Structures are given as structure tokens and as C-alpha cells.
């Protein structure tokens, strides 16, 4: 198998996907009942980049959701669970 991706930690695709999630803030908020996204922070240079969403609900309570972006090595994906 000839793998084209050489850099995985973080990979170019992981960084692009991280940026895309950040750009989708307004679209994501449309689906969050009674919550708004107050801020977004990313650590895109780490091994598996993460996007930290800081939210506030209608009661003023603060919440954090973290999405970690992991690209599997070429040929090791499990497409059956999608």
C-alpha cells in the first residue's frame, strides 16, 4: 500500500477540519436549544487537535464541550461504524 499522507501529528486534514469547525459557529448554534456559544478555543498544533466550545445556557451556567480530531493512518479506517 502506498500511503500519501506523511504527517499525522497533527495532519494537514486534522488542522483544516479544526478550522472548519470553528467557522461553523453560527450554523452549530442553530441546533443548540437554549444555549449559545460564548467562545471557541483550539489547540491545533497538538498531536490530536481539539476544539473547545464554551457555552452558556439560559440560566447563565457555563458549559464546555470538547471535540478531538483524530485522523487514522491510511488504510486503518473503520467505515462500518459511520
C-alpha atoms as a PDB file:
ATOM      1  CA  UNK A   1       0.000   0.000   0.000  1.00  0.00           C
ATOM      2  CA  UNK A   2       1.342   3.411  -0.992  1.00  0.00           C
ATOM      3  CA  UNK A   3       0.442   5.956   1.698  1.00  0.00           C
ATOM      4  CA  UNK A   4       0.440   9.574   0.550  1.00  0.00           C
ATOM      5  CA  UNK A   5      -0.053  11.180   3.979  1.00  0.00           C
ATOM      6  CA  UNK A   6       3.313  11.546   5.679  1.00  0.00           C
ATOM      7  CA  UNK A   7       2.496  13.824   8.639  1.00  0.00           C
ATOM      8  CA  UNK A   8      -0.181  12.735  11.123  1.00  0.00           C
ATOM      9  CA  UNK A   9       0.671  14.590  14.325  1.00  0.00           C
ATOM     10  CA  UNK A  10      -1.150  16.810  13.554  1.00  0.00           C
ATOM     11  CA  UNK A  11      -2.054  16.121   9.953  1.00  0.00           C
ATOM     12  CA  UNK A  12      -2.990  18.815   7.456  1.00  0.00           C
ATOM     13  CA  UNK A  13      -6.508  17.338   7.301  1.00  0.00           C
ATOM     14  CA  UNK A  14      -6.876  17.487  11.107  1.00  0.00           C
ATOM     15  CA  UNK A  15      -5.893  21.162  11.107  1.00  0.00           C
ATOM     16  CA  UNK A  16      -8.245  22.004   8.218  1.00  0.00           C
ATOM     17  CA  UNK A  17     -11.126  20.184   9.919  1.00  0.00           C
ATOM     18  CA  UNK A  18     -10.403  22.067  13.153  1.00  0.00           C
ATOM     19  CA  UNK A  19     -10.595  25.383  11.273  1.00  0.00           C
ATOM     20  CA  UNK A  20     -13.823  24.288   9.572  1.00  0.00           C
ATOM     21  CA  UNK A  21     -15.499  23.504  12.916  1.00  0.00           C
ATOM     22  CA  UNK A  22     -14.562  26.940  14.226  1.00  0.00           C
ATOM     23  CA  UNK A  23     -16.053  28.604  11.116  1.00  0.00           C
ATOM     24  CA  UNK A  24     -19.353  26.745  11.653  1.00  0.00           C
ATOM     25  CA  UNK A  25     -20.124  28.505  14.960  1.00  0.00           C
ATOM     26  CA  UNK A  26     -23.301  30.259  13.779  1.00  0.00           C
ATOM     27  CA  UNK A  27     -24.600  27.170  11.989  1.00  0.00           C
ATOM     28  CA  UNK A  28     -23.986  24.981  15.064  1.00  0.00           C
ATOM     29  CA  UNK A  29     -25.774  27.435  17.370  1.00  0.00           C
ATOM     30  CA  UNK A  30     -28.967  26.978  15.323  1.00  0.00           C
ATOM     31  CA  UNK A  31     -29.156  23.401  16.652  1.00  0.00           C
ATOM     32  CA  UNK A  32     -28.361  24.191  20.296  1.00  0.00           C
ATOM     33  CA  UNK A  33     -31.616  24.645  22.181  1.00  0.00           C
ATOM     34  CA  UNK A  34     -31.324  27.193  24.992  1.00  0.00           C
ATOM     35  CA  UNK A  35     -27.526  27.503  24.624  1.00  0.00           C
ATOM     36  CA  UNK A  36     -25.201  29.903  22.884  1.00  0.00           C
ATOM     37  CA  UNK A  37     -21.536  29.504  22.035  1.00  0.00           C
ATOM     38  CA  UNK A  38     -19.653  32.131  24.018  1.00  0.00           C
ATOM     39  CA  UNK A  39     -16.173  31.333  22.709  1.00  0.00           C
ATOM     40  CA  UNK A  40     -14.180  28.709  20.868  1.00  0.00           C
ATOM     41  CA  UNK A  41     -10.577  27.726  21.543  1.00  0.00           C
ATOM     42  CA  UNK A  42      -8.461  25.247  19.621  1.00  0.00           C
ATOM     43  CA  UNK A  43      -5.144  23.555  20.239  1.00  0.00           C
ATOM     44  CA  UNK A  44      -4.487  22.693  16.631  1.00  0.00           C
ATOM     45  CA  UNK A  45      -0.762  22.068  16.963  1.00  0.00           C
ATOM     46  CA  UNK A  46      -1.155  19.181  19.429  1.00  0.00           C
ATOM     47  CA  UNK A  47      -0.963  15.531  18.370  1.00  0.00           C
ATOM     48  CA  UNK A  48      -4.748  15.240  18.004  1.00  0.00           C
ATOM     49  CA  UNK A  49      -6.161  18.762  17.752  1.00  0.00           C
ATOM     50  CA  UNK A  50      -9.165  19.641  19.888  1.00  0.00           C
ATOM     51  CA  UNK A  51     -11.815  22.310  19.599  1.00  0.00           C
ATOM     52  CA  UNK A  52     -13.162  23.597  22.928  1.00  0.00           C
ATOM     53  CA  UNK A  53     -16.632  25.134  22.730  1.00  0.00           C
ATOM     54  CA  UNK A  54     -17.540  27.324  25.714  1.00  0.00           C
ATOM     55  CA  UNK A  55     -21.300  27.634  26.022  1.00  0.00           C
ATOM     56  CA  UNK A  56     -23.791  29.451  28.219  1.00  0.00           C
ATOM     57  CA  UNK A  57     -27.316  28.214  28.846  1.00  0.00           C
ATOM     58  CA  UNK A  58     -30.449  30.268  29.568  1.00  0.00           C
ATOM     59  CA  UNK A  59     -29.729  30.138  33.316  1.00  0.00           C
ATOM     60  CA  UNK A  60     -26.284  31.654  32.788  1.00  0.00           C
ATOM     61  CA  UNK A  61     -24.499  28.362  33.559  1.00  0.00           C
ATOM     62  CA  UNK A  62     -21.216  27.819  31.727  1.00  0.00           C
ATOM     63  CA  UNK A  63     -20.501  24.553  29.887  1.00  0.00           C
ATOM     64  CA  UNK A  64     -17.598  23.236  27.827  1.00  0.00           C
ATOM     65  CA  UNK A  65     -17.757  20.710  25.008  1.00  0.00           C
ATOM     66  CA  UNK A  66     -14.518  19.344  23.563  1.00  0.00           C
ATOM     67  CA  UNK A  67     -14.223  17.705  20.160  1.00  0.00           C
ATOM     68  CA  UNK A  68     -10.922  15.944  19.479  1.00  0.00           C
ATOM     69  CA  UNK A  69      -9.968  15.484  15.809  1.00  0.00           C
ATOM     70  CA  UNK A  70      -8.205  12.204  15.054  1.00  0.00           C
ATOM     71  CA  UNK A  71      -7.170  11.092  11.591  1.00  0.00           C
ATOM     72  CA  UNK A  72      -6.483   7.399  11.422  1.00  0.00           C
ATOM     73  CA  UNK A  73      -3.496   6.129   9.479  1.00  0.00           C
ATOM     74  CA  UNK A  74      -4.352   5.436   5.816  1.00  0.00           C
ATOM     75  CA  UNK A  75      -5.918   2.004   5.415  1.00  0.00           C
ATOM     76  CA  UNK A  76      -6.931   1.657   9.087  1.00  0.00           C
ATOM     77  CA  UNK A  77     -10.319   3.379   8.947  1.00  0.00           C
ATOM     78  CA  UNK A  78     -13.427   1.604  10.157  1.00  0.00           C
ATOM     79  CA  UNK A  79     -16.093   2.815   7.722  1.00  0.00           C
ATOM     80  CA  UNK A  80     -18.720   0.378   9.016  1.00  0.00           C
ATOM     81  CA  UNK A  81     -19.479   2.474  12.128  1.00  0.00           C
ATOM     82  CA  UNK A  82     -20.433   5.692  10.276  1.00  0.00           C
END
